[in-house]
Protein backbone atom coordinates (compact mmCIF):
# COMPACT_ATOMS: atom_id res chain seq x y z
CA MET A 1 -63.81 55.86 79.45
CA LYS A 2 -63.67 52.51 77.67
CA LYS A 3 -59.88 52.56 77.87
CA LEU A 4 -60.05 53.27 81.62
CA LEU A 5 -62.44 50.39 82.19
CA ALA A 6 -60.24 48.09 80.13
CA ALA A 7 -57.21 49.10 82.19
CA ILE A 8 -59.08 48.43 85.43
CA CYS A 9 -60.21 45.03 84.18
CA LEU A 10 -56.66 44.19 83.18
CA LEU A 11 -55.40 45.23 86.61
CA PHE A 12 -57.80 42.89 88.41
CA THR A 13 -57.51 39.96 86.02
CA ALA A 14 -53.73 39.94 85.51
CA PRO A 15 -51.92 37.29 87.59
CA LEU A 16 -50.10 38.64 90.61
CA VAL A 17 -46.33 38.36 90.44
CA ALA A 18 -44.99 36.62 93.54
CA GLN A 19 -42.32 38.47 95.49
CA VAL A 20 -38.92 36.87 94.98
CA THR A 21 -36.24 36.98 97.65
CA ALA A 22 -32.60 36.51 96.67
CA ILE A 23 -30.06 35.54 99.31
CA LYS A 24 -26.41 36.13 98.49
CA ALA A 25 -24.82 33.40 100.61
CA GLY A 26 -21.09 33.27 101.27
CA THR A 27 -21.21 29.52 101.99
CA VAL A 28 -24.12 27.08 101.86
CA ILE A 29 -23.91 23.87 103.90
CA ASP A 30 -26.16 20.94 103.11
CA PRO A 31 -25.31 18.39 105.83
CA SER A 32 -27.56 15.74 104.29
CA ARG A 33 -25.24 15.48 101.29
CA GLY A 34 -22.07 16.71 102.91
CA THR A 35 -21.76 19.56 100.42
CA ILE A 36 -20.22 23.00 100.94
CA LEU A 37 -20.84 25.51 98.17
CA LYS A 38 -19.23 28.95 98.03
CA ASP A 39 -20.76 32.20 96.76
CA GLN A 40 -24.27 30.97 96.10
CA VAL A 41 -27.49 32.76 95.25
CA ILE A 42 -30.64 31.26 96.76
CA LEU A 43 -33.86 32.35 95.10
CA ILE A 44 -36.99 32.04 97.24
CA GLU A 45 -40.55 32.34 96.05
CA GLN A 46 -43.82 31.61 97.86
CA GLY A 47 -41.97 30.26 100.87
CA LYS A 48 -39.90 27.72 98.97
CA ILE A 49 -36.41 27.53 97.52
CA LYS A 50 -36.87 28.09 93.80
CA ALA A 51 -33.23 27.74 92.74
CA ILE A 52 -29.64 27.67 94.05
CA GLY A 53 -26.54 28.44 92.06
CA SER A 54 -23.39 30.49 91.73
CA VAL A 55 -24.40 32.39 88.59
CA LEU A 56 -28.14 32.78 89.01
CA PRO A 57 -29.50 36.08 87.74
CA ILE A 58 -31.40 38.02 90.37
CA PRO A 59 -34.84 39.03 89.07
CA SER A 60 -35.65 42.70 88.83
CA GLY A 61 -37.50 43.91 91.92
CA ALA A 62 -36.39 40.99 94.09
CA GLN A 63 -35.71 41.54 97.78
CA VAL A 64 -31.96 41.02 98.15
CA ILE A 65 -30.43 39.80 101.42
CA ASP A 66 -26.67 40.00 101.71
CA LEU A 67 -25.28 37.04 103.66
CA SER A 68 -22.05 36.98 101.68
CA GLY A 69 -19.99 36.84 104.86
CA GLU A 70 -22.14 34.15 106.49
CA TRP A 71 -22.51 30.38 106.64
CA VAL A 72 -26.01 29.33 105.64
CA THR A 73 -27.68 26.00 106.37
CA ALA A 74 -31.08 24.44 106.96
CA GLY A 75 -33.15 25.47 109.96
CA LEU A 76 -32.46 23.45 113.09
CA MET A 77 -34.81 20.83 114.54
CA ASP A 78 -35.26 19.49 118.07
CA ALA A 79 -37.20 16.23 118.15
CA HIS A 80 -37.78 15.98 121.89
CA THR A 81 -39.26 19.08 123.48
CA HIS A 82 -41.86 19.87 126.12
CA MET A 83 -42.79 23.45 125.31
CA THR A 84 -45.46 23.86 127.98
CA LEU A 85 -43.53 22.17 130.77
CA THR A 86 -41.26 23.76 133.37
CA GLU A 87 -40.33 21.45 136.21
CA ILE A 88 -39.69 22.63 139.74
CA GLU A 89 -36.01 22.38 140.62
CA GLY A 90 -34.57 19.60 142.73
CA ASN A 91 -36.40 16.39 143.53
CA ALA A 92 -39.90 17.84 143.69
CA PRO A 93 -42.64 15.36 142.76
CA PHE A 94 -43.00 15.17 139.00
CA GLU A 95 -46.69 16.06 139.25
CA SER A 96 -46.02 19.39 140.97
CA PHE A 97 -45.42 21.26 137.73
CA TYR A 98 -48.91 20.72 136.32
CA LEU A 99 -51.28 20.50 139.26
CA ASN A 100 -51.60 24.28 139.68
CA GLU A 101 -51.57 25.40 136.03
CA SER A 102 -54.42 25.51 133.54
CA THR A 103 -54.15 24.22 129.99
CA THR A 104 -54.67 27.79 128.70
CA TYR A 105 -51.77 29.14 130.75
CA ARG A 106 -49.55 26.33 129.62
CA GLY A 107 -50.49 26.93 126.01
CA MET A 108 -49.29 30.49 126.39
CA ARG A 109 -46.00 29.22 127.77
CA GLY A 110 -45.75 26.81 124.85
CA LEU A 111 -46.22 29.63 122.35
CA HIS A 112 -43.71 31.82 124.17
CA ASN A 113 -41.09 29.08 124.26
CA SER A 114 -41.71 28.09 120.64
CA GLN A 115 -41.29 31.64 119.38
CA ALA A 116 -38.14 32.12 121.44
CA LEU A 117 -36.61 28.96 120.00
CA LEU A 118 -37.49 30.01 116.46
CA SER A 119 -35.57 33.24 116.95
CA GLN A 120 -32.50 31.17 117.87
CA GLY A 121 -32.68 29.00 114.75
CA PHE A 122 -35.00 26.10 115.67
CA THR A 123 -37.48 26.19 112.81
CA THR A 124 -39.07 22.79 113.58
CA LEU A 125 -39.96 21.29 116.95
CA ARG A 126 -41.46 17.95 117.90
CA ASP A 127 -43.35 18.33 121.17
CA VAL A 128 -43.69 14.97 122.91
CA GLY A 129 -46.41 15.63 125.43
CA ASN A 130 -47.05 16.97 128.92
CA SER A 131 -49.21 19.81 127.66
CA GLY A 132 -52.44 19.32 129.57
CA GLU A 133 -55.56 19.06 127.44
CA TYR A 134 -53.80 19.24 124.06
CA ALA A 135 -52.36 22.74 124.55
CA MET A 136 -49.62 22.27 121.97
CA SER A 137 -52.10 21.05 119.39
CA ASP A 138 -53.81 24.42 119.73
CA VAL A 139 -50.51 26.31 119.62
CA ARG A 140 -49.69 24.47 116.40
CA ARG A 141 -53.07 25.30 114.92
CA ALA A 142 -52.72 29.00 115.83
CA ILE A 143 -49.32 29.17 114.12
CA GLU A 144 -50.60 27.32 111.07
CA GLN A 145 -53.51 29.77 110.85
CA GLY A 146 -51.03 32.64 110.71
CA TRP A 147 -52.20 34.18 113.98
CA PHE A 148 -48.64 34.00 115.34
CA ILE A 149 -45.16 33.59 113.93
CA GLY A 150 -43.71 30.29 115.10
CA PRO A 151 -41.84 27.15 114.12
CA THR A 152 -43.28 24.06 112.47
CA ILE A 153 -44.66 21.99 115.35
CA ILE A 154 -45.40 18.27 115.41
CA ASP A 155 -47.10 17.42 118.69
CA ALA A 156 -47.92 14.18 120.47
CA GLY A 157 -51.08 15.12 122.30
CA LYS A 158 -51.31 13.14 125.54
CA ILE A 159 -48.67 10.60 126.45
CA ILE A 160 -49.93 7.01 126.42
CA ALA A 161 -48.79 4.86 129.33
CA PRO A 162 -49.73 1.88 131.49
CA PHE A 163 -51.90 2.77 134.46
CA GLY A 164 -50.51 5.74 136.37
CA GLY A 165 -48.79 7.71 133.65
CA GLN A 166 -45.45 8.74 135.08
CA SER A 167 -46.77 9.02 138.64
CA ARG A 168 -46.00 6.56 141.38
CA ASN A 169 -47.53 5.43 144.66
CA MET A 170 -50.32 7.99 144.85
CA PRO A 171 -53.05 7.29 147.43
CA PRO A 172 -56.26 5.91 145.90
CA HIS A 173 -58.49 8.65 147.31
CA VAL A 174 -56.88 11.37 145.14
CA GLY A 175 -58.05 9.65 141.98
CA PRO A 176 -56.31 9.36 138.59
CA PHE A 177 -55.40 13.06 138.34
CA TRP A 178 -52.62 12.23 135.88
CA GLY A 179 -55.33 12.04 133.25
CA PHE A 180 -54.59 15.74 132.66
CA GLU A 181 -51.31 14.64 131.07
CA TYR A 182 -51.62 10.97 130.16
CA ILE A 183 -53.98 8.37 128.76
CA ASP A 184 -54.02 5.15 130.78
CA ALA A 185 -53.99 2.25 128.34
CA ASP A 186 -53.54 -1.37 129.35
CA GLY A 187 -53.88 -4.16 126.82
CA PRO A 188 -53.81 -3.89 123.01
CA ALA A 189 -57.44 -2.75 122.73
CA GLU A 190 -56.96 0.17 125.12
CA VAL A 191 -53.70 1.11 123.41
CA ARG A 192 -55.45 1.22 120.04
CA LYS A 193 -58.20 3.42 121.46
CA ALA A 194 -55.64 5.77 123.04
CA VAL A 195 -53.79 6.11 119.73
CA ARG A 196 -57.05 6.88 117.95
CA THR A 197 -57.98 9.43 120.62
CA ASN A 198 -54.74 11.32 120.13
CA ILE A 199 -55.01 11.24 116.35
CA TYR A 200 -58.59 12.52 116.60
CA TYR A 201 -57.42 15.54 118.60
CA GLY A 202 -54.63 16.33 116.15
CA ALA A 203 -51.49 14.50 117.24
CA GLY A 204 -48.78 14.19 114.60
CA VAL A 205 -46.74 11.65 116.56
CA ILE A 206 -47.71 9.02 119.12
CA LYS A 207 -45.67 8.99 122.34
CA LEU A 208 -45.66 6.02 124.73
CA VAL A 209 -43.96 5.67 128.09
CA ALA A 210 -42.67 2.13 128.34
CA ASP A 211 -40.74 1.48 131.52
CA ASN A 212 -41.55 4.15 134.07
CA SER A 213 -43.09 1.64 136.50
CA ALA A 214 -42.43 -1.89 137.70
CA TYR A 215 -44.70 -3.03 134.86
CA HIS A 216 -44.19 -2.18 131.22
CA TYR A 217 -45.74 -2.61 127.82
CA SER A 218 -45.74 -6.02 126.17
CA LEU A 219 -44.79 -6.75 122.59
CA ASP A 220 -48.47 -7.09 121.66
CA GLU A 221 -49.27 -3.69 123.18
CA PHE A 222 -46.44 -2.02 121.26
CA ARG A 223 -47.51 -3.73 118.06
CA ALA A 224 -51.05 -2.43 118.54
CA ALA A 225 -49.73 1.14 118.85
CA VAL A 226 -47.44 0.80 115.84
CA GLU A 227 -50.11 -0.78 113.63
CA GLU A 228 -52.71 1.84 114.53
CA ALA A 229 -50.38 4.83 114.19
CA HIS A 230 -48.69 3.65 111.00
CA HIS A 231 -52.07 2.95 109.43
CA ALA A 232 -52.76 6.69 109.90
CA GLY A 233 -49.30 7.61 108.58
CA ILE A 234 -48.06 8.74 111.98
CA PRO A 235 -44.77 7.69 113.66
CA VAL A 236 -44.39 6.23 117.15
CA ALA A 237 -41.90 7.48 119.76
CA VAL A 238 -41.19 5.52 122.94
CA HIS A 239 -39.76 6.78 126.22
CA VAL A 240 -37.66 3.86 127.40
CA TYR A 241 -34.29 3.36 129.04
CA SER A 242 -33.40 -0.31 128.57
CA GLY A 243 -34.36 -3.88 129.42
CA ASP A 244 -37.33 -5.95 128.28
CA ALA A 245 -39.41 -2.86 127.54
CA ALA A 246 -36.79 -1.65 125.08
CA ASP A 247 -36.62 -5.12 123.52
CA ASN A 248 -40.39 -5.08 122.99
CA ALA A 249 -40.42 -1.58 121.52
CA ILE A 250 -37.59 -2.35 119.11
CA GLU A 251 -39.10 -5.67 118.04
CA ALA A 252 -42.45 -3.99 117.40
CA GLY A 253 -40.81 -1.59 114.95
CA VAL A 254 -41.39 1.76 116.63
CA ASP A 255 -39.94 4.75 114.84
CA SER A 256 -37.78 6.19 117.61
CA ILE A 257 -36.42 5.35 121.00
CA GLU A 258 -36.37 8.40 123.28
CA HIS A 259 -33.56 8.47 125.85
CA GLY A 260 -32.38 4.83 125.81
CA PHE A 261 -29.72 5.67 128.38
CA GLU A 262 -28.84 2.05 129.15
CA LEU A 263 -29.33 0.38 125.77
CA THR A 264 -27.04 -2.58 125.16
CA ASP A 265 -24.93 -3.09 122.07
CA ALA A 266 -27.33 -5.84 120.97
CA GLN A 267 -30.29 -3.48 121.27
CA LEU A 268 -28.47 -0.73 119.39
CA LYS A 269 -27.54 -3.15 116.62
CA LYS A 270 -31.15 -4.24 116.26
CA MET A 271 -32.21 -0.59 116.09
CA LYS A 272 -29.73 -0.02 113.30
CA ASP A 273 -30.89 -3.11 111.41
CA LYS A 274 -34.55 -2.06 111.68
CA GLY A 275 -33.89 1.61 110.88
CA ILE A 276 -35.10 2.85 114.27
CA PHE A 277 -33.89 6.31 115.26
CA LEU A 278 -32.35 7.19 118.62
CA VAL A 279 -33.49 10.57 119.96
CA SER A 280 -30.87 10.58 122.64
CA THR A 281 -31.72 13.56 124.95
CA ASP A 282 -28.14 13.80 126.20
CA PHE A 283 -28.49 15.85 129.38
CA PRO A 284 -25.38 17.82 130.34
CA ARG A 285 -24.32 17.17 133.91
CA ALA A 286 -25.12 20.75 134.96
CA HIS A 287 -28.72 20.26 133.84
CA LEU A 288 -29.01 16.94 135.63
CA ASP A 289 -27.90 18.58 138.86
CA ILE A 290 -30.89 20.94 138.60
CA VAL A 291 -33.43 18.29 137.60
CA GLY A 292 -32.19 15.78 140.18
CA THR A 293 -34.05 12.51 139.70
CA SER A 294 -37.20 14.31 138.45
CA GLY A 295 -39.19 12.85 141.30
CA GLY A 296 -37.65 9.38 140.97
CA ILE A 297 -37.99 9.02 137.20
CA LEU A 298 -34.25 9.42 136.49
CA PRO A 299 -31.18 7.86 138.11
CA GLU A 300 -28.96 10.08 140.25
CA PRO A 301 -26.97 12.61 138.15
CA ALA A 302 -23.58 11.12 139.06
CA VAL A 303 -24.78 7.76 137.75
CA LEU A 304 -26.66 8.95 134.70
CA ALA A 305 -24.19 11.46 133.20
CA PRO A 306 -21.46 8.97 132.23
CA LYS A 307 -24.04 6.47 130.96
CA ILE A 308 -25.40 9.08 128.58
CA ILE A 309 -21.99 9.73 127.00
CA ASP A 310 -21.15 6.02 126.79
CA ARG A 311 -24.45 5.14 125.12
CA LEU A 312 -24.17 8.01 122.61
CA THR A 313 -20.60 7.02 121.75
CA ARG A 314 -21.56 3.41 121.15
CA ALA A 315 -24.66 4.29 119.13
CA HIS A 316 -22.68 6.60 116.84
CA LYS A 317 -19.89 4.08 116.27
CA MET A 318 -22.44 1.39 115.43
CA GLY A 319 -24.18 3.58 112.87
CA VAL A 320 -27.54 4.01 114.61
CA LYS A 321 -29.49 6.88 113.06
CA LEU A 322 -29.19 9.74 115.54
CA VAL A 323 -31.56 12.67 115.93
CA PHE A 324 -30.98 15.69 118.13
CA GLY A 325 -33.47 15.98 120.99
CA THR A 326 -32.95 17.81 124.25
CA ASP A 327 -35.82 17.39 126.73
CA VAL A 328 -35.06 20.74 128.40
CA VAL A 329 -37.72 21.15 131.09
CA VAL A 330 -36.14 23.48 133.66
CA ASP A 331 -35.13 27.12 133.74
CA MET A 332 -31.67 28.41 134.57
CA LYS A 333 -31.32 31.98 135.80
CA GLY A 334 -30.08 34.34 133.12
CA ARG A 335 -30.25 31.74 130.34
CA THR A 336 -32.78 31.10 127.61
CA ARG A 337 -34.17 27.69 126.80
CA ALA A 338 -32.27 27.83 123.50
CA ASP A 339 -29.01 28.45 125.38
CA MET A 340 -29.68 25.34 127.40
CA MET A 341 -30.50 23.29 124.31
CA PHE A 342 -27.19 24.26 122.75
CA ASP A 343 -25.45 22.95 125.93
CA TYR A 344 -26.24 19.47 124.62
CA LEU A 345 -23.73 20.01 121.81
CA GLY A 346 -20.96 19.64 124.37
CA VAL A 347 -22.13 16.13 125.24
CA TRP A 348 -22.07 15.14 121.55
CA ARG A 349 -18.53 16.47 121.32
CA LEU A 350 -17.52 14.43 124.36
CA ALA A 351 -18.94 11.38 122.61
CA GLY A 352 -16.54 12.00 119.72
CA ILE A 353 -19.16 12.98 117.14
CA ALA A 354 -18.01 15.26 114.31
CA PRO A 355 -19.74 18.61 113.72
CA GLN A 356 -21.10 17.49 110.33
CA ASP A 357 -22.79 14.48 111.93
CA ILE A 358 -24.22 16.65 114.71
CA LEU A 359 -25.59 19.11 112.17
CA ARG A 360 -27.12 16.24 110.20
CA ALA A 361 -28.83 15.01 113.39
CA MET A 362 -30.31 18.50 113.81
CA THR A 363 -31.57 18.80 110.23
CA SER A 364 -31.97 16.05 107.63
CA ASN A 365 -31.97 13.09 110.05
CA ALA A 366 -34.64 14.80 112.10
CA ALA A 367 -36.68 15.52 108.98
CA ASP A 368 -36.50 11.83 108.05
CA LEU A 369 -37.80 10.81 111.47
CA LEU A 370 -40.57 13.41 111.45
CA ARG A 371 -41.61 12.34 107.94
CA ILE A 372 -41.17 15.83 106.53
CA GLU A 373 -38.04 15.12 104.47
CA LYS A 374 -39.84 16.01 101.25
CA VAL A 375 -40.71 19.43 102.66
CA ARG A 376 -38.00 20.52 105.11
CA GLY A 377 -34.57 19.69 106.51
CA ARG A 378 -32.25 20.40 103.58
CA VAL A 379 -31.13 23.33 101.47
CA ALA A 380 -32.55 22.15 98.17
CA GLU A 381 -34.78 23.30 95.35
CA GLY A 382 -38.47 22.77 96.02
CA LEU A 383 -38.13 22.55 99.80
CA ALA A 384 -39.35 25.09 102.33
CA ALA A 385 -37.08 28.08 102.83
CA ASP A 386 -36.26 27.32 106.47
CA LEU A 387 -32.75 28.75 106.72
CA VAL A 388 -30.30 29.97 109.34
CA ALA A 389 -27.02 31.83 109.00
CA MET A 390 -24.08 32.56 111.26
CA PRO A 391 -20.73 34.34 110.97
CA ALA A 392 -18.55 31.26 111.64
CA ASN A 393 -18.31 27.77 110.18
CA PRO A 394 -20.24 25.22 112.29
CA LEU A 395 -18.31 22.40 110.61
CA ASP A 396 -15.14 23.72 112.25
CA ASP A 397 -16.81 24.32 115.60
CA ILE A 398 -20.41 23.24 116.18
CA GLU A 399 -20.67 25.88 118.91
CA ALA A 400 -20.98 28.42 116.07
CA LEU A 401 -24.70 27.58 116.15
CA ARG A 402 -24.96 29.70 119.30
CA LYS A 403 -24.22 32.76 117.15
CA ILE A 404 -27.01 32.36 114.60
CA ASP A 405 -27.88 35.90 113.52
CA PHE A 406 -30.31 35.24 110.67
CA VAL A 407 -33.41 33.03 110.68
CA MET A 408 -35.87 32.51 107.86
CA LYS A 409 -39.06 30.46 108.21
CA ASP A 410 -41.05 29.51 105.13
CA GLY A 411 -39.39 32.34 103.23
CA LYS A 412 -40.15 34.99 105.89
CA ILE A 413 -37.36 36.63 107.84
CA VAL A 414 -37.88 36.30 111.59
CA LYS A 415 -34.39 37.37 112.69
CA GLY A 416 -31.89 39.56 110.91
CA SER A 417 -32.34 42.05 108.10
CA GLY A 418 -36.02 42.73 107.51
CA ALA A 419 -37.29 40.65 110.42
CA VAL A 420 -40.99 40.90 111.30
CA HIS A 421 -41.79 41.24 114.99
């Protein structure tokens, strides 16, 4: 009896041995360092990469995944998404997509879209607003609690803008209904309060709209946002196309310019000098034809499409830090949102950008912008095991990313052998 009790005590006091997963990888690509390593073993324990090497012994009892015929790299990131937003096709008023949908319903859409993108290889998403009353903050929390399988999400809360959000010319009697989506903030004091409001409700990035109206944010207003956000350790993203508003945002030291379709060479050079990222949202022409002008927010597709390619080409040649961001907000019959996001790769190719640089913009560059480079974005020891694999080499043809057939998130398989559904 004493021996039995001793055995039971030993069973409950002995440390639990963590499950080890061993991936036999045919080729491992680390775009951040430009390395390609053949016949590697990746050991994963407690959601992180424990070791990588060509002659690593596989521990007894480890789960072994055979990807010896595959190309393995870090999970993909999209730094400009709107997971709860689906615009109405054509030139419908921008407001029409959110006036008849509750925050709860939109949160469900956000979860659905996020999970679908994870299954296609996007292990990290930055959601930059338009989610009602902080729907994506709740989606993020639910995933972090383990209630649902999903990607890492960094969300912006409500978009901060000068009076009117991204609406225009609404009659006074309808009231400021855009408050469902935006925080009106005019003057440095109001901007500071808006930043604090978003941080209070859980935002991991601050998003401002700079030049949607005839008026735009001043240098002092941008500085207030940057100072307040950076004090809390949170980056600032700015929706801006060009002009004085872009000058003010760049001078204030924001972390990223979103879109920037008409940025001049001088503005791009200053971005490079200050280390500001360009999240370029390079809409393919076919997508622009569906969106139209988005209720007057965008130029006509025939005008905008060539500007996008020209700006991306110039930014790349000048050495501006580029991050992949798509801004997909419409549905196309018979196509997933991930399919549409991969369409943006064609625009990068047209701009003359090499596959390795595109892959870097989708992984390590994005991690740098999102301030998670010490946790995610590379295939390296100590980092999260966010991995994707495909049967062809994306450095030969970046379109190989469309064929991702294995996805791992924090060491858990979500697509491929042993996936949990």
